[in-house]
PDB file of N, CA and C in Angstrom:
ATOM      1  N   MET A   1       0.643  -1.267   0.021  1.00  0.00           N
ATOM      2  CA  MET A   1      -0.052  -0.075  -0.082  1.00  0.00           C
ATOM      3  C   MET A   1       0.833   1.317  -0.091  1.00  0.00           C
ATOM      4  N   GLY A   2       0.468   2.154  -0.415  1.00  0.00           N
ATOM      5  CA  GLY A   2       1.218   3.511  -0.625  1.00  0.00           C
ATOM      6  C   GLY A   2       0.785   4.161   0.407  1.00  0.00           C
ATOM      7  N   ASN A   3       1.481   5.588   0.503  1.00  0.00           N
ATOM      8  CA  ASN A   3       1.393   6.499   1.550  1.00  0.00           C
ATOM      9  C   ASN A   3       0.463   7.630   0.748  1.00  0.00           C
ATOM     10  N   ARG A   4       0.144   8.758   1.675  1.00  0.00           N
ATOM     11  CA  ARG A   4      -0.471   9.670   1.300  1.00  0.00           C
ATOM     12  C   ARG A   4       0.338  10.542   0.168  1.00  0.00           C
ATOM     13  N   GLY A   5      -0.297  11.393  -0.694  1.00  0.00           N
ATOM     14  CA  GLY A   5       0.199  11.708  -1.620  1.00  0.00           C
ATOM     15  C   GLY A   5       0.817  10.905  -2.697  1.00  0.00           C
ATOM     16  N   GLN A   6       0.560   9.456  -2.680  1.00  0.00           N
ATOM     17  CA  GLN A   6       1.388   8.511  -3.680  1.00  0.00           C
ATOM     18  C   GLN A   6       0.594   7.744  -4.471  1.00  0.00           C
ATOM     19  N   VAL A   7      -0.943   8.104  -4.723  1.00  0.00           N
ATOM     20  CA  VAL A   7      -1.735   7.612  -5.502  1.00  0.00           C
ATOM     21  C   VAL A   7      -1.224   6.980  -6.611  1.00  0.00           C
ATOM     22  N   ASN A   8      -0.418   8.006  -7.454  1.00  0.00           N
ATOM     23  CA  ASN A   8       0.052   7.251  -8.769  1.00  0.00           C
ATOM     24  C   ASN A   8       1.184   6.455  -8.602  1.00  0.00           C
ATOM     25  N   TYR A   9       1.681   6.183  -7.343  1.00  0.00           N
ATOM     26  CA  TYR A   9       3.061   5.256  -7.293  1.00  0.00           C
ATOM     27  C   TYR A   9       2.515   3.984  -7.214  1.00  0.00           C
ATOM     28  N   SER A  10       1.364   4.276  -6.091  1.00  0.00           N
ATOM     29  CA  SER A  10       0.721   2.661  -5.658  1.00  0.00           C
ATOM     30  C   SER A  10      -0.001   2.450  -6.858  1.00  0.00           C
ATOM     31  N   ALA A  11      -0.946   3.192  -7.479  1.00  0.00           N
ATOM     32  CA  ALA A  11      -1.498   2.565  -9.284  1.00  0.00           C
ATOM     33  C   ALA A  11      -0.604   2.054 -10.076  1.00  0.00           C
ATOM     34  N   ALA A  12       0.462   2.807 -10.337  1.00  0.00           N
ATOM     35  CA  ALA A  12       1.500   2.005 -11.212  1.00  0.00           C
ATOM     36  C   ALA A  12       1.924   0.937 -10.743  1.00  0.00           C
ATOM     37  N   LYS A  13       2.408   0.740  -9.226  1.00  0.00           N
ATOM     38  CA  LYS A  13       3.095  -0.563  -8.926  1.00  0.00           C
ATOM     39  C   LYS A  13       2.256  -1.514  -8.911  1.00  0.00           C
ATOM     40  N   ALA A  14       0.679  -1.422  -8.777  1.00  0.00           N
ATOM     41  CA  ALA A  14      -0.375  -2.653  -8.978  1.00  0.00           C
ATOM     42  C   ALA A  14      -0.336  -2.661 -10.469  1.00  0.00           C
ATOM     43  N   GLY A  15      -0.318  -2.065 -11.381  1.00  0.00           N
ATOM     44  CA  GLY A  15      -0.534  -2.077 -12.669  1.00  0.00           C
ATOM     45  C   GLY A  15       0.662  -2.988 -13.147  1.00  0.00           C
ATOM     46  N   ILE A  16       2.291  -3.064 -12.539  1.00  0.00           N
ATOM     47  CA  ILE A  16       3.273  -3.540 -13.107  1.00  0.00           C
ATOM     48  C   ILE A  16       2.934  -5.138 -12.654  1.00  0.00           C
ATOM     49  N   ILE A  17       2.424  -5.185 -11.000  1.00  0.00           N
ATOM     50  CA  ILE A  17       2.435  -6.410 -10.462  1.00  0.00           C
ATOM     51  C   ILE A  17       1.313  -7.283 -11.394  1.00  0.00           C
ATOM     52  N   GLY A  18       0.254  -6.310 -11.753  1.00  0.00           N
ATOM     53  CA  GLY A  18      -0.602  -7.462 -12.609  1.00  0.00           C
ATOM     54  C   GLY A  18      -0.219  -7.782 -14.026  1.00  0.00           C
ATOM     55  N   ALA A  19       0.640  -6.922 -14.371  1.00  0.00           N
ATOM     56  CA  ALA A  19       1.070  -7.272 -15.838  1.00  0.00           C
ATOM     57  C   ALA A  19       1.832  -8.661 -15.629  1.00  0.00           C
ATOM     58  N   THR A  20       3.050  -8.372 -14.876  1.00  0.00           N
ATOM     59  CA  THR A  20       3.833  -9.715 -14.137  1.00  0.00           C
ATOM     60  C   THR A  20       3.056 -10.664 -14.464  1.00  0.00           C
ATOM     61  N   LYS A  21       1.908 -10.792 -13.336  1.00  0.00           N
ATOM     62  CA  LYS A  21       1.373 -12.194 -13.021  1.00  0.00           C
ATOM     63  C   LYS A  21       0.395 -12.499 -14.338  1.00  0.00           C
ATOM     64  N   ALA A  22       0.027 -11.690 -15.117  1.00  0.00           N
ATOM     65  CA  ALA A  22      -0.787 -11.977 -16.406  1.00  0.00           C
ATOM     66  C   ALA A  22       0.162 -12.374 -17.431  1.00  0.00           C
ATOM     67  N   LEU A  23       0.922 -11.493 -17.664  1.00  0.00           N
ATOM     68  CA  LEU A  23       2.243 -11.951 -18.637  1.00  0.00           C
ATOM     69  C   LEU A  23       2.803 -13.598 -18.474  1.00  0.00           C
ATOM     70  N   ALA A  24       2.915 -13.685 -17.038  1.00  0.00           N
ATOM     71  CA  ALA A  24       3.432 -15.064 -16.983  1.00  0.00           C
ATOM     72  C   ALA A  24       2.744 -16.460 -17.222  1.00  0.00           C
ATOM     73  N   VAL A  25       1.546 -16.004 -17.042  1.00  0.00           N
ATOM     74  CA  VAL A  25       0.470 -17.176 -17.449  1.00  0.00           C
ATOM     75  C   VAL A  25       0.810 -17.312 -19.196  1.00  0.00           C
ATOM     76  N   GLU A  26       0.864 -16.189 -19.582  1.00  0.00           N
ATOM     77  CA  GLU A  26       0.575 -15.968 -21.195  1.00  0.00           C
ATOM     78  C   GLU A  26       2.019 -16.452 -21.699  1.00  0.00           C
ATOM     79  N   LEU A  27       2.961 -16.544 -21.073  1.00  0.00           N
ATOM     80  CA  LEU A  27       4.256 -17.218 -21.742  1.00  0.00           C
ATOM     81  C   LEU A  27       4.835 -18.180 -21.109  1.00  0.00           C
ATOM     82  N   ALA A  28       4.262 -18.984 -20.212  1.00  0.00           N
ATOM     83  CA  ALA A  28       4.629 -20.209 -19.496  1.00  0.00           C
ATOM     84  C   ALA A  28       4.665 -21.422 -20.353  1.00  0.00           C
ATOM     85  N   SER A  29       3.753 -21.352 -21.385  1.00  0.00           N
ATOM     86  CA  SER A  29       3.708 -22.684 -22.466  1.00  0.00           C
ATOM     87  C   SER A  29       5.159 -22.885 -23.270  1.00  0.00           C
ATOM     88  N   ARG A  30       5.488 -21.180 -23.444  1.00  0.00           N
ATOM     89  CA  ARG A  30       6.982 -21.068 -24.271  1.00  0.00           C
ATOM     90  C   ARG A  30       8.060 -21.103 -23.153  1.00  0.00           C
ATOM     91  N   LYS A  31       8.036 -21.567 -22.095  1.00  0.00           N
ATOM     92  CA  LYS A  31       8.900 -21.664 -21.210  1.00  0.00           C
ATOM     93  C   LYS A  31       9.833 -20.581 -20.868  1.00  0.00           C
ATOM     94  N   ILE A  32       8.917 -19.422 -21.021  1.00  0.00           N
ATOM     95  CA  ILE A  32       9.479 -17.979 -20.549  1.00  0.00           C
ATOM     96  C   ILE A  32       8.687 -17.700 -19.410  1.00  0.00           C
ATOM     97  N   THR A  33       9.902 -17.077 -18.553  1.00  0.00           N
ATOM     98  CA  THR A  33       9.151 -16.630 -16.806  1.00  0.00           C
ATOM     99  C   THR A  33       9.493 -15.300 -16.792  1.00  0.00           C
ATOM    100  N   VAL A  34       8.353 -14.861 -16.195  1.00  0.00           N
ATOM    101  CA  VAL A  34       8.121 -13.348 -15.854  1.00  0.00           C
ATOM    102  C   VAL A  34       7.873 -13.058 -14.273  1.00  0.00           C
ATOM    103  N   ASN A  35       8.913 -12.329 -13.825  1.00  0.00           N
ATOM    104  CA  ASN A  35       8.995 -11.988 -11.851  1.00  0.00           C
ATOM    105  C   ASN A  35       9.367 -10.669 -12.180  1.00  0.00           C
ATOM    106  N   CYS A  36       8.833 -10.372 -10.995  1.00  0.00           N
ATOM    107  CA  CYS A  36       8.779  -8.994 -10.596  1.00  0.00           C
ATOM    108  C   CYS A  36       9.801  -8.684  -9.366  1.00  0.00           C
ATOM    109  N   VAL A  37      10.648  -7.985  -9.488  1.00  0.00           N
ATOM    110  CA  VAL A  37      11.760  -7.484  -8.471  1.00  0.00           C
ATOM    111  C   VAL A  37      11.549  -6.088  -7.725  1.00  0.00           C
ATOM    112  N   ALA A  38      11.097  -6.341  -6.240  1.00  0.00           N
ATOM    113  CA  ALA A  38      10.505  -4.915  -5.810  1.00  0.00           C
ATOM    114  C   ALA A  38      11.644  -4.772  -4.568  1.00  0.00           C
ATOM    115  N   PRO A  39      12.411  -3.740  -5.106  1.00  0.00           N
ATOM    116  CA  PRO A  39      13.391  -3.252  -3.979  1.00  0.00           C
ATOM    117  C   PRO A  39      12.774  -2.546  -2.917  1.00  0.00           C
ATOM    118  N   GLY A  40      13.352  -2.675  -1.650  1.00  0.00           N
ATOM    119  CA  GLY A  40      13.273  -1.790  -0.711  1.00  0.00           C
ATOM    120  C   GLY A  40      14.066  -0.191  -0.760  1.00  0.00           C
ATOM    121  N   LEU A  41      14.525  -0.178   0.160  1.00  0.00           N
ATOM    122  CA  LEU A  41      15.530   1.011   0.276  1.00  0.00           C
ATOM    123  C   LEU A  41      16.911   0.433  -0.045  1.00  0.00           C
ATOM    124  N   ILE A  42      17.656   0.916  -1.138  1.00  0.00           N
ATOM    125  CA  ILE A  42      18.801   0.608  -1.486  1.00  0.00           C
ATOM    126  C   ILE A  42      19.605   1.756  -1.290  1.00  0.00           C
ATOM    127  N   GLU A  43      20.907   1.723  -0.899  1.00  0.00           N
ATOM    128  CA  GLU A  43      21.947   2.669  -0.805  1.00  0.00           C
ATOM    129  C   GLU A  43      22.156   3.145  -2.195  1.00  0.00           C
ATOM    130  N   THR A  44      21.745   4.257  -2.529  1.00  0.00           N
ATOM    131  CA  THR A  44      21.636   4.950  -3.737  1.00  0.00           C
ATOM    132  C   THR A  44      21.860   6.710  -3.099  1.00  0.00           C
ATOM    133  N   ASP A  45      22.024   7.449  -4.322  1.00  0.00           N
ATOM    134  CA  ASP A  45      22.010   8.763  -3.945  1.00  0.00           C
ATOM    135  C   ASP A  45      20.746   9.309  -4.003  1.00  0.00           C
ATOM    136  N   MET A  46      19.542   8.425  -4.206  1.00  0.00           N
ATOM    137  CA  MET A  46      18.149   8.739  -4.176  1.00  0.00           C
ATOM    138  C   MET A  46      17.975   9.094  -2.963  1.00  0.00           C
ATOM    139  N   ILE A  47      18.409   8.291  -1.989  1.00  0.00           N
ATOM    140  CA  ILE A  47      18.070   8.127  -0.405  1.00  0.00           C
ATOM    141  C   ILE A  47      18.148   9.636   0.156  1.00  0.00           C
ATOM    142  N   GLU A  48      17.108  10.268   0.456  1.00  0.00           N
ATOM    143  CA  GLU A  48      17.654  11.485   1.259  1.00  0.00           C
ATOM    144  C   GLU A  48      17.749  11.488   2.588  1.00  0.00           C
ATOM    145  N   PRO A  49      18.899  11.799   3.447  1.00  0.00           N
ATOM    146  CA  PRO A  49      19.098  11.660   4.859  1.00  0.00           C
ATOM    147  C   PRO A  49      18.115  11.790   5.870  1.00  0.00           C
ATOM    148  N   HIS A  50      17.218  12.938   5.650  1.00  0.00           N
ATOM    149  CA  HIS A  50      16.088  13.235   6.703  1.00  0.00           C
ATOM    150  C   HIS A  50      15.159  11.714   6.642  1.00  0.00           C
ATOM    151  N   VAL A  51      14.958  10.988   5.584  1.00  0.00           N
ATOM    152  CA  VAL A  51      14.070  10.062   5.201  1.00  0.00           C
ATOM    153  C   VAL A  51      14.766   8.877   6.123  1.00  0.00           C
ATOM    154  N   LEU A  52      15.943   8.512   6.049  1.00  0.00           N
ATOM    155  CA  LEU A  52      16.709   7.608   6.485  1.00  0.00           C
ATOM    156  C   LEU A  52      16.432   7.147   7.748  1.00  0.00           C
ATOM    157  N   GLU A  53      16.554   8.227   8.730  1.00  0.00           N
ATOM    158  CA  GLU A  53      16.137   7.822  10.096  1.00  0.00           C
ATOM    159  C   GLU A  53      15.025   6.918  10.253  1.00  0.00           C
ATOM    160  N   HIS A  54      13.963   7.702   9.808  1.00  0.00           N
ATOM    161  CA  HIS A  54      12.639   7.004  10.195  1.00  0.00           C
ATOM    162  C   HIS A  54      12.534   5.507   9.623  1.00  0.00           C
ATOM    163  N   ALA A  55      12.928   5.330   8.319  1.00  0.00           N
ATOM    164  CA  ALA A  55      13.105   4.133   7.331  1.00  0.00           C
ATOM    165  C   ALA A  55      13.743   3.008   8.043  1.00  0.00           C
ATOM    166  N   MET A  56      15.199   3.375   8.987  1.00  0.00           N
ATOM    167  CA  MET A  56      15.750   2.529   9.387  1.00  0.00           C
ATOM    168  C   MET A  56      15.004   1.786  10.451  1.00  0.00           C
ATOM    169  N   GLN A  57      13.925   2.228  11.316  1.00  0.00           N
ATOM    170  CA  GLN A  57      13.157   1.880  12.172  1.00  0.00           C
ATOM    171  C   GLN A  57      12.201   0.861  11.782  1.00  0.00           C
ATOM    172  N   LEU A  58      12.187   1.060  10.532  1.00  0.00           N
ATOM    173  CA  LEU A  58      11.099  -0.024   9.902  1.00  0.00           C
ATOM    174  C   LEU A  58      11.638  -1.488   9.100  1.00  0.00           C
ATOM    175  N   ILE A  59      13.020  -1.379   9.049  1.00  0.00           N
ATOM    176  CA  ILE A  59      13.845  -2.496   8.704  1.00  0.00           C
ATOM    177  C   ILE A  59      14.581  -3.312   9.345  1.00  0.00           C
ATOM    178  N   PRO A  60      13.980  -4.485   9.836  1.00  0.00           N
ATOM    179  CA  PRO A  60      14.654  -5.298  10.944  1.00  0.00           C
ATOM    180  C   PRO A  60      16.161  -5.821  10.287  1.00  0.00           C
ATOM    181  N   ALA A  61      16.454  -5.807   9.547  1.00  0.00           N
ATOM    182  CA  ALA A  61      18.003  -6.105   8.934  1.00  0.00           C
ATOM    183  C   ALA A  61      18.808  -4.929   9.547  1.00  0.00           C
ATOM    184  N   GLN A  62      18.506  -3.759   9.835  1.00  0.00           N
ATOM    185  CA  GLN A  62      18.883  -2.445  10.181  1.00  0.00           C
ATOM    186  C   GLN A  62      20.083  -1.859   9.269  1.00  0.00           C
ATOM    187  N   ARG A  63      19.703  -2.096   8.098  1.00  0.00           N
ATOM    188  CA  ARG A  63      20.466  -1.697   6.812  1.00  0.00           C
ATOM    189  C   ARG A  63      19.668  -1.252   5.845  1.00  0.00           C
ATOM    190  N   MET A  64      20.530  -0.564   4.949  1.00  0.00           N
ATOM    191  CA  MET A  64      19.789  -0.435   3.406  1.00  0.00           C
ATOM    192  C   MET A  64      20.365  -1.426   2.522  1.00  0.00           C
ATOM    193  N   GLY A  65      19.942  -1.902   1.743  1.00  0.00           N
ATOM    194  CA  GLY A  65      20.212  -2.884   0.845  1.00  0.00           C
ATOM    195  C   GLY A  65      21.352  -2.010  -0.428  1.00  0.00           C
ATOM    196  N   GLN A  66      22.072  -3.039  -0.618  1.00  0.00           N
ATOM    197  CA  GLN A  66      22.958  -2.530  -1.611  1.00  0.00           C
ATOM    198  C   GLN A  66      22.617  -2.904  -3.484  1.00  0.00           C
ATOM    199  N   PRO A  67      23.167  -2.279  -4.229  1.00  0.00           N
ATOM    200  CA  PRO A  67      22.661  -2.194  -5.818  1.00  0.00           C
ATOM    201  C   PRO A  67      23.010  -3.935  -6.158  1.00  0.00           C
ATOM    202  N   GLU A  68      23.846  -3.938  -5.669  1.00  0.00           N
ATOM    203  CA  GLU A  68      24.481  -5.441  -6.098  1.00  0.00           C
ATOM    204  C   GLU A  68      23.756  -6.772  -5.491  1.00  0.00           C
ATOM    205  N   GLU A  69      22.792  -6.540  -4.328  1.00  0.00           N
ATOM    206  CA  GLU A  69      22.252  -7.398  -3.848  1.00  0.00           C
ATOM    207  C   GLU A  69      20.916  -7.752  -4.841  1.00  0.00           C
ATOM    208  N   VAL A  70      20.412  -6.396  -5.336  1.00  0.00           N
ATOM    209  CA  VAL A  70      19.459  -6.494  -6.370  1.00  0.00           C
ATOM    210  C   VAL A  70      19.670  -7.215  -7.549  1.00  0.00           C
ATOM    211  N   ALA A  71      21.009  -6.950  -7.786  1.00  0.00           N
ATOM    212  CA  ALA A  71      21.547  -7.475  -9.345  1.00  0.00           C
ATOM    213  C   ALA A  71      21.694  -8.942  -9.091  1.00  0.00           C
ATOM    214  N   ALA A  72      22.107  -9.525  -8.160  1.00  0.00           N
ATOM    215  CA  ALA A  72      22.401 -10.718  -8.100  1.00  0.00           C
ATOM    216  C   ALA A  72      20.994 -11.579  -7.876  1.00  0.00           C
ATOM    217  N   LEU A  73      19.978 -10.873  -7.495  1.00  0.00           N
ATOM    218  CA  LEU A  73      18.553 -11.847  -7.555  1.00  0.00           C
ATOM    219  C   LEU A  73      18.080 -11.741  -8.921  1.00  0.00           C
ATOM    220  N   VAL A  74      18.141 -10.596  -9.458  1.00  0.00           N
ATOM    221  CA  VAL A  74      18.278 -10.565 -10.957  1.00  0.00           C
ATOM    222  C   VAL A  74      18.769 -11.477 -11.722  1.00  0.00           C
ATOM    223  N   ALA A  75      20.201 -11.675 -11.623  1.00  0.00           N
ATOM    224  CA  ALA A  75      20.731 -12.646 -12.310  1.00  0.00           C
ATOM    225  C   ALA A  75      20.354 -13.679 -12.037  1.00  0.00           C
ATOM    226  N   PHE A  76      19.960 -14.205 -10.609  1.00  0.00           N
ATOM    227  CA  PHE A  76      19.661 -15.743 -10.387  1.00  0.00           C
ATOM    228  C   PHE A  76      18.373 -15.790 -10.996  1.00  0.00           C
ATOM    229  N   LEU A  77      17.578 -14.979 -11.423  1.00  0.00           N
ATOM    230  CA  LEU A  77      15.986 -15.132 -11.936  1.00  0.00           C
ATOM    231  C   LEU A  77      16.427 -15.201 -13.518  1.00  0.00           C
ATOM    232  N   MET A  78      17.428 -14.717 -14.096  1.00  0.00           N
ATOM    233  CA  MET A  78      17.697 -15.162 -15.231  1.00  0.00           C
ATOM    234  C   MET A  78      18.368 -16.467 -15.786  1.00  0.00           C
ATOM    235  N   SER A  79      18.735 -17.039 -14.776  1.00  0.00           N
ATOM    236  CA  SER A  79      19.596 -18.089 -14.785  1.00  0.00           C
ATOM    237  C   SER A  79      18.768 -19.581 -14.896  1.00  0.00           C
ATOM    238  N   ASP A  80      19.387 -20.486 -15.448  1.00  0.00           N
ATOM    239  CA  ASP A  80      18.755 -22.058 -15.615  1.00  0.00           C
ATOM    240  C   ASP A  80      18.062 -22.579 -14.324  1.00  0.00           C
ATOM    241  N   ASP A  81      18.829 -21.964 -13.222  1.00  0.00           N
ATOM    242  CA  ASP A  81      18.456 -22.499 -11.967  1.00  0.00           C
ATOM    243  C   ASP A  81      17.220 -21.986 -11.308  1.00  0.00           C
ATOM    244  N   ALA A  82      16.471 -20.698 -12.131  1.00  0.00           N
ATOM    245  CA  ALA A  82      15.374 -20.311 -11.628  1.00  0.00           C
ATOM    246  C   ALA A  82      14.352 -20.590 -12.921  1.00  0.00           C
ATOM    247  N   ALA A  83      14.448 -21.295 -13.460  1.00  0.00           N
ATOM    248  CA  ALA A  83      13.628 -21.676 -14.804  1.00  0.00           C
ATOM    249  C   ALA A  83      12.026 -21.970 -14.516  1.00  0.00           C
ATOM    250  N   TYR A  84      12.075 -22.380 -13.018  1.00  0.00           N
ATOM    251  CA  TYR A  84      10.471 -22.876 -12.435  1.00  0.00           C
ATOM    252  C   TYR A  84       9.850 -21.611 -11.463  1.00  0.00           C
ATOM    253  N   ILE A  85      10.569 -20.698 -11.127  1.00  0.00           N
ATOM    254  CA  ILE A  85      10.358 -19.708 -10.973  1.00  0.00           C
ATOM    255  C   ILE A  85       9.447 -18.767 -12.008  1.00  0.00           C
ATOM    256  N   THR A  86       8.223 -18.393 -11.507  1.00  0.00           N
ATOM    257  CA  THR A  86       7.630 -17.392 -12.568  1.00  0.00           C
ATOM    258  C   THR A  86       6.233 -16.788 -12.050  1.00  0.00           C
ATOM    259  N   ARG A  87       5.868 -15.554 -12.354  1.00  0.00           N
ATOM    260  CA  ARG A  87       4.747 -15.141 -11.802  1.00  0.00           C
ATOM    261  C   ARG A  87       4.974 -14.784 -10.307  1.00  0.00           C
ATOM    262  N   GLN A  88       6.207 -14.250  -9.766  1.00  0.00           N
ATOM    263  CA  GLN A  88       6.420 -13.881  -8.293  1.00  0.00           C
ATOM    264  C   GLN A  88       6.851 -12.207  -8.392  1.00  0.00           C
ATOM    265  N   VAL A  89       6.397 -11.743  -7.248  1.00  0.00           N
ATOM    266  CA  VAL A  89       6.795 -10.707  -6.832  1.00  0.00           C
ATOM    267  C   VAL A  89       7.746 -10.872  -5.771  1.00  0.00           C
ATOM    268  N   ILE A  90       9.248 -10.317  -6.202  1.00  0.00           N
ATOM    269  CA  ILE A  90      10.027 -10.827  -4.842  1.00  0.00           C
ATOM    270  C   ILE A  90      10.533  -9.588  -4.154  1.00  0.00           C
ATOM    271  N   SER A  91      10.433  -9.380  -3.000  1.00  0.00           N
ATOM    272  CA  SER A  91      10.909  -8.184  -2.349  1.00  0.00           C
ATOM    273  C   SER A  91      12.606  -8.329  -1.724  1.00  0.00           C
ATOM    274  N   VAL A  92      13.536  -7.298  -2.172  1.00  0.00           N
ATOM    275  CA  VAL A  92      14.494  -7.405  -1.327  1.00  0.00           C
ATOM    276  C   VAL A  92      14.651  -6.140  -0.710  1.00  0.00           C
ATOM    277  N   ASN A  93      14.256  -6.094   0.485  1.00  0.00           N
ATOM    278  CA  ASN A  93      13.986  -5.028   1.679  1.00  0.00           C
ATOM    279  C   ASN A  93      14.509  -5.421   3.192  1.00  0.00           C
ATOM    280  N   GLY A  94      15.089  -6.189   3.060  1.00  0.00           N
ATOM    281  CA  GLY A  94      15.658  -6.582   4.542  1.00  0.00           C
ATOM    282  C   GLY A  94      14.291  -7.120   5.727  1.00  0.00           C
ATOM    283  N   GLY A  95      13.456  -7.126   5.167  1.00  0.00           N
ATOM    284  CA  GLY A  95      12.389  -7.543   6.303  1.00  0.00           C
ATOM    285  C   GLY A  95      11.563  -6.214   6.203  1.00  0.00           C
ATOM    286  N   MET A  96      11.571  -5.185   5.526  1.00  0.00           N
ATOM    287  CA  MET A  96      10.736  -4.005   5.896  1.00  0.00           C
ATOM    288  C   MET A  96       9.347  -4.356   6.071  1.00  0.00           C
ATOM    289  N   VAL A  97       8.939  -3.439   7.191  1.00  0.00           N
ATOM    290  CA  VAL A  97       7.457  -3.695   7.684  1.00  0.00           C
ATOM    291  C   VAL A  97       6.725  -2.093   7.516  1.00  0.00           C
ATOM    292  N   GLY A  98       5.544  -2.046   6.941  1.00  0.00           N
ATOM    293  CA  GLY A  98       5.097  -0.775   7.348  1.00  0.00           C
ATOM    294  C   GLY A  98       4.773  -0.371   5.876  1.00  0.00           C
TER     295      GLY A  98
END
């Protein structure tokens, strides 16, 4: 769910998730997998310091994720080892709640 002032973000995210699930069903017979990666707080220049203190209270892992951790999941999902994983939304968020 989104926060106040983020109706557009929430709607777009719901659309991506819906498209992922529908496309996965459509393409499964062709052995094509479709998944959605949902990163939480990832340590990039986009994170504003004033947001960080509150956000860290919501992350049980007590740290932000690294871009390489998201990339590692994407690489795995593209590998033959993930050939039976499809129609999933996978969060990379340190257990973030809220």
